[in-house]
Amino acid sequence: MRLDELHPKDKDSLELDDIEVGDEVKVGRFLNSKATVKGFKKDKHNQPILKTTKGDRKLFKPRISKLEINEMAMKYPGQSLAGFWSSWQYCLYDTQKTALAVEQDLEFEDVIIGGISVAQVTNSTHRMGEEYKVGSVAAEKGYGPILYYFGMTKGYLSSDLDVSTDAQKIWYVFANLERHGKSVIKKPSYGYKGIDDWKVRSYGKHFGYAYTITDPLRFKIISYMKQAKTNHQQFMKWTAEVANRRPDEIEALIVEGTQSYVNSKL
């Protein structure tokens, strides 16, 4: 071994060996817990992240300045909250963050504010309207109720999930609004079996019903959805004219990001 190998000289640049999926890394407080690399991504500051079997891990502890995004240069000039229906999934996202993702090829899961998927219940035609069951839903704090209300614009909405504590609170609100005649009405959920229904036994009698909004216009839900849709259309126009990206490509990435976001929260 040469002396310069034992005490290497300072270099002007650093070249790292390739890191590949399947490589072993050591994580944890004492860096002694073994994990396997599953993939790679960048965070909101454009810093490299390892996706491992024990969660996401920063590759570098310091933030590398030259990799950082010039957020002011990339900032989208329109309104930040946008959304759209993609088949039976509603995607709610932040256009400012999405503009950065478009420009820097970042993870689209990080731009999502929330998402809800609904499915029409077969043979659920009722004199009061069609019924739709929630397939999956997740949102940032404060946005959950609005997604449920957006789902109600399709028809009567019911739950067929293992309902989280936070989601149960939202259904309780629907039940109380209906009970006091305030903007929400209900009908028995399709296949409702009374007190023997598993949802009723698990969560309470109001889970045996499907709910919808009596007057979406008065409740301002339609105007909220229209504004979110308008913001989405304006953002898609920006992606084509300014970012030089195909709107359908970006829309597909938002849908995929919404699915990943929701799955990560379940």
Protein backbone atom coordinates (compact mmCIF):
# COMPACT_ATOMS: atom_id res chain seq x y z
CA MET A 1 0.00 0.00 0.00
CA ARG A 2 1.35 3.41 -0.97
CA LEU A 3 1.47 6.28 1.51
CA ASP A 4 -0.90 8.37 -0.58
CA GLU A 5 -3.44 5.53 -0.44
CA LEU A 6 -3.24 5.51 3.34
CA HIS A 7 -3.60 9.30 3.49
CA PRO A 8 -5.38 10.29 0.26
CA LYS A 9 -4.99 13.85 -0.94
CA ASP A 10 -7.94 16.23 -1.06
CA LYS A 11 -9.71 16.16 -4.43
CA ASP A 12 -11.59 18.84 -6.31
CA SER A 13 -14.61 16.57 -6.94
CA LEU A 14 -16.15 13.43 -5.53
CA GLU A 15 -17.19 10.46 -7.64
CA LEU A 16 -19.42 7.89 -5.97
CA ASP A 17 -19.78 4.26 -6.95
CA ASP A 18 -23.14 3.41 -8.51
CA ILE A 19 -25.93 2.58 -6.08
CA GLU A 20 -28.38 0.06 -7.49
CA VAL A 21 -31.68 -1.51 -6.50
CA GLY A 22 -30.91 -4.47 -4.27
CA ASP A 23 -27.85 -2.89 -2.65
CA GLU A 24 -27.57 -3.14 1.12
CA VAL A 25 -27.43 0.02 3.23
CA LYS A 26 -27.21 0.52 6.97
CA VAL A 27 -29.68 2.85 8.63
CA GLY A 28 -30.93 3.78 12.07
CA ARG A 29 -29.52 5.86 14.87
CA PHE A 30 -26.32 3.83 15.07
CA LEU A 31 -26.24 2.91 11.35
CA ASN A 32 -26.29 -0.78 12.18
CA SER A 33 -29.73 -1.78 10.93
CA LYS A 34 -29.56 -3.39 7.49
CA ALA A 35 -31.98 -2.33 4.74
CA THR A 36 -32.26 -2.98 1.01
CA VAL A 37 -32.52 -0.29 -1.66
CA LYS A 38 -35.86 -0.52 -3.52
CA GLY A 39 -35.62 2.59 -5.67
CA PHE A 40 -34.73 6.26 -5.86
CA LYS A 41 -36.46 9.63 -5.85
CA LYS A 42 -35.83 13.31 -5.07
CA ASP A 43 -37.34 15.37 -2.28
CA LYS A 44 -38.95 18.81 -2.65
CA HIS A 45 -35.48 20.38 -2.54
CA ASN A 46 -34.25 18.15 -5.40
CA GLN A 47 -31.99 16.17 -3.03
CA PRO A 48 -31.46 12.42 -3.68
CA ILE A 49 -33.52 9.99 -1.60
CA LEU A 50 -33.07 6.21 -1.28
CA LYS A 51 -36.29 4.21 -1.09
CA THR A 52 -35.48 1.27 1.18
CA THR A 53 -37.21 -1.62 2.89
CA LYS A 54 -37.09 0.50 6.06
CA GLY A 55 -38.46 3.70 4.60
CA ASP A 56 -37.10 6.63 2.64
CA ARG A 57 -33.58 7.76 3.56
CA LYS A 58 -31.65 10.86 2.52
CA LEU A 59 -28.48 9.99 0.63
CA PHE A 60 -26.65 13.05 1.99
CA LYS A 61 -27.06 14.62 5.43
CA PRO A 62 -26.12 18.13 4.21
CA ARG A 63 -28.33 19.76 1.58
CA ILE A 64 -26.33 20.25 -1.62
CA SER A 65 -26.95 23.86 -2.72
CA LYS A 66 -26.24 23.31 -6.42
CA LEU A 67 -28.99 20.65 -6.53
CA GLU A 68 -31.61 22.88 -4.94
CA ILE A 69 -34.52 24.12 -7.03
CA ASN A 70 -34.88 27.80 -7.70
CA GLU A 71 -38.48 27.83 -6.51
CA MET A 72 -39.23 31.41 -7.56
CA ALA A 73 -38.09 30.72 -11.12
CA MET A 74 -40.28 27.64 -11.36
CA LYS A 75 -43.34 29.09 -9.62
CA TYR A 76 -46.62 28.66 -11.46
CA PRO A 77 -48.48 32.00 -11.62
CA GLY A 78 -52.05 30.64 -11.27
CA GLN A 79 -54.14 29.54 -8.29
CA SER A 80 -52.64 26.69 -6.30
CA LEU A 81 -55.60 24.35 -5.64
CA ALA A 82 -56.78 22.29 -8.62
CA GLY A 83 -58.69 19.06 -9.15
CA PHE A 84 -60.44 16.84 -11.67
CA TRP A 85 -62.33 13.57 -12.01
CA SER A 86 -60.39 10.79 -13.70
CA SER A 87 -62.95 8.07 -14.32
CA TRP A 88 -64.13 7.31 -10.75
CA GLN A 89 -61.22 8.94 -8.93
CA TYR A 90 -61.07 12.59 -7.93
CA CYS A 91 -57.58 14.08 -7.77
CA LEU A 92 -56.90 17.22 -5.72
CA TYR A 93 -53.41 18.68 -6.12
CA ASP A 94 -51.22 21.75 -5.59
CA THR A 95 -50.33 23.42 -8.89
CA GLN A 96 -47.33 25.26 -7.41
CA LYS A 97 -45.71 22.01 -6.31
CA THR A 98 -46.77 20.27 -9.52
CA ALA A 99 -45.04 22.97 -11.57
CA LEU A 100 -41.81 22.09 -9.77
CA ALA A 101 -42.42 18.39 -10.35
CA VAL A 102 -42.99 19.01 -14.08
CA GLU A 103 -39.82 21.09 -14.43
CA GLN A 104 -37.56 18.91 -12.26
CA ASP A 105 -39.03 15.41 -12.81
CA LEU A 106 -39.85 15.03 -9.11
CA GLU A 107 -42.22 12.53 -7.52
CA PHE A 108 -45.86 13.44 -8.25
CA GLU A 109 -47.00 11.74 -5.05
CA ASP A 110 -45.56 14.75 -3.19
CA VAL A 111 -47.86 17.26 -4.95
CA ILE A 112 -51.14 15.58 -4.01
CA ILE A 113 -53.49 17.17 -1.47
CA GLY A 114 -55.97 14.32 -1.52
CA GLY A 115 -57.90 11.77 -3.53
CA ILE A 116 -61.14 9.81 -3.36
CA SER A 117 -62.32 6.93 -5.52
CA VAL A 118 -65.94 5.83 -5.75
CA ALA A 119 -67.69 2.96 -7.50
CA GLN A 120 -71.31 2.71 -8.51
CA VAL A 121 -73.14 -0.01 -6.61
CA THR A 122 -74.63 -2.58 -9.00
CA ASN A 123 -78.45 -2.69 -8.96
CA SER A 124 -78.55 0.19 -6.48
CA THR A 125 -81.05 2.24 -8.50
CA HIS A 126 -83.41 3.84 -6.02
CA ARG A 127 -86.26 6.27 -6.46
CA MET A 128 -84.06 8.81 -4.65
CA GLY A 129 -80.95 8.26 -6.82
CA GLU A 130 -77.92 6.10 -7.55
CA GLU A 131 -75.57 4.91 -4.81
CA TYR A 132 -71.79 4.98 -4.87
CA LYS A 133 -69.44 3.37 -2.37
CA VAL A 134 -66.15 4.90 -1.32
CA GLY A 135 -63.31 2.72 -2.59
CA SER A 136 -60.44 4.63 -0.99
CA VAL A 137 -59.86 8.12 0.34
CA ALA A 138 -56.97 10.06 1.89
CA ALA A 139 -56.18 13.75 2.22
CA GLU A 140 -54.05 16.30 3.96
CA LYS A 141 -55.52 17.60 7.20
CA GLY A 142 -58.65 19.68 6.63
CA TYR A 143 -59.35 18.45 3.07
CA GLY A 144 -61.09 15.15 3.87
CA PRO A 145 -64.66 16.51 4.18
CA ILE A 146 -64.52 18.40 0.88
CA LEU A 147 -63.48 15.21 -0.94
CA TYR A 148 -66.46 13.34 0.50
CA TYR A 149 -68.74 16.17 -0.62
CA PHE A 150 -67.21 16.04 -4.10
CA GLY A 151 -67.99 12.32 -4.09
CA MET A 152 -71.61 13.12 -3.22
CA THR A 153 -71.96 15.08 -6.47
CA LYS A 154 -72.07 11.66 -8.17
CA GLY A 155 -75.05 10.53 -6.09
CA TYR A 156 -75.62 8.93 -2.71
CA LEU A 157 -72.36 8.05 -0.99
CA SER A 158 -71.83 5.16 1.40
CA SER A 159 -68.81 3.54 2.99
CA ASP A 160 -67.71 -0.06 2.51
CA LEU A 161 -64.29 0.29 4.12
CA ASP A 162 -62.57 -0.36 7.39
CA VAL A 163 -63.26 3.19 8.47
CA SER A 164 -60.49 5.13 10.22
CA THR A 165 -61.21 7.20 13.31
CA ASP A 166 -60.89 10.46 11.37
CA ALA A 167 -63.23 9.19 8.62
CA GLN A 168 -65.79 8.05 11.20
CA LYS A 169 -65.99 11.63 12.46
CA ILE A 170 -66.89 12.83 8.96
CA TRP A 171 -69.71 10.28 8.66
CA TYR A 172 -70.97 11.36 12.09
CA VAL A 173 -71.15 14.93 10.74
CA PHE A 174 -73.23 13.74 7.77
CA ALA A 175 -75.60 11.92 10.10
CA ASN A 176 -76.01 14.99 12.32
CA LEU A 177 -76.62 17.28 9.35
CA GLU A 178 -79.29 14.91 8.04
CA ARG A 179 -80.88 14.59 11.48
CA HIS A 180 -81.25 18.37 11.71
CA GLY A 181 -82.36 18.81 8.10
CA LYS A 182 -79.25 20.74 7.06
CA SER A 183 -78.24 20.17 3.42
CA VAL A 184 -77.77 16.37 3.70
CA ILE A 185 -80.30 13.59 3.13
CA LYS A 186 -79.98 9.82 3.41
CA LYS A 187 -81.43 6.54 2.18
CA PRO A 188 -80.81 2.95 3.31
CA SER A 189 -77.58 1.69 1.81
CA TYR A 190 -77.96 -1.07 -0.80
CA GLY A 191 -77.96 -4.46 0.93
CA TYR A 192 -78.54 -2.87 4.34
CA LYS A 193 -79.37 -5.60 6.88
CA GLY A 194 -80.46 -3.47 9.82
CA ILE A 195 -78.77 -4.15 13.15
CA ASP A 196 -77.13 -7.27 11.69
CA ASP A 197 -75.21 -5.22 9.14
CA TRP A 198 -71.47 -5.47 9.87
CA LYS A 199 -70.95 -1.73 9.40
CA VAL A 200 -73.72 -0.97 11.89
CA ARG A 201 -72.24 -3.39 14.42
CA SER A 202 -68.77 -1.94 13.90
CA TYR A 203 -69.40 1.79 13.66
CA GLY A 204 -73.03 2.65 14.46
CA LYS A 205 -76.46 2.71 12.85
CA HIS A 206 -75.75 5.73 10.62
CA PHE A 207 -73.27 3.60 8.66
CA GLY A 208 -76.22 1.66 7.29
CA TYR A 209 -77.18 4.65 5.14
CA ALA A 210 -75.95 6.44 2.04
CA TYR A 211 -75.82 10.24 2.10
CA THR A 212 -75.93 13.02 -0.45
CA ILE A 213 -76.27 16.80 -0.58
CA THR A 214 -79.76 18.20 -0.98
CA ASP A 215 -78.66 21.39 -2.73
CA PRO A 216 -75.05 21.36 -4.00
CA LEU A 217 -75.39 24.89 -5.39
CA ARG A 218 -76.51 26.36 -2.07
CA PHE A 219 -73.87 24.31 -0.31
CA LYS A 220 -71.26 25.84 -2.69
CA ILE A 221 -69.83 22.40 -3.50
CA ILE A 222 -70.49 22.79 -7.23
CA SER A 223 -68.80 26.19 -7.31
CA TYR A 224 -65.78 24.76 -5.47
CA MET A 225 -65.52 21.91 -7.96
CA LYS A 226 -65.90 24.26 -10.93
CA GLN A 227 -63.14 26.50 -9.62
CA ALA A 228 -60.84 23.52 -9.01
CA LYS A 229 -61.59 22.26 -12.54
CA THR A 230 -60.92 25.71 -14.04
CA ASN A 231 -57.61 25.87 -12.17
CA HIS A 232 -56.76 22.41 -13.50
CA GLN A 233 -57.55 23.42 -17.10
CA GLN A 234 -55.43 26.56 -16.78
CA PHE A 235 -52.57 24.53 -15.36
CA MET A 236 -52.79 22.01 -18.20
CA LYS A 237 -52.60 24.93 -20.63
CA TRP A 238 -49.48 26.15 -18.83
CA THR A 239 -47.84 22.71 -19.08
CA ALA A 240 -48.33 22.74 -22.85
CA GLU A 241 -47.42 26.36 -23.62
CA VAL A 242 -44.74 27.11 -21.01
CA ALA A 243 -43.38 23.79 -19.75
CA ASN A 244 -43.66 22.21 -23.22
CA ARG A 245 -45.16 18.99 -21.84
CA ARG A 246 -48.22 17.10 -23.03
CA PRO A 247 -51.20 17.76 -20.75
CA ASP A 248 -52.44 14.16 -20.98
CA GLU A 249 -49.00 12.94 -19.86
CA ILE A 250 -49.01 15.26 -16.82
CA GLU A 251 -52.61 14.35 -16.01
CA ALA A 252 -51.68 10.66 -16.04
CA LEU A 253 -48.77 11.37 -13.68
CA ILE A 254 -51.12 13.23 -11.30
CA VAL A 255 -53.55 10.29 -11.35
CA GLU A 256 -50.70 7.86 -10.66
CA GLY A 257 -49.40 10.15 -7.93
CA THR A 258 -52.86 10.30 -6.34
CA GLN A 259 -53.11 6.52 -6.27
CA SER A 260 -49.65 6.24 -4.69
CA TYR A 261 -50.49 8.98 -2.19
CA VAL A 262 -53.76 7.33 -1.12
CA ASN A 263 -52.15 3.86 -0.87
CA SER A 264 -49.35 5.26 1.28
CA LYS A 265 -51.91 6.67 3.75
CA LEU A 266 -54.03 3.52 4.09
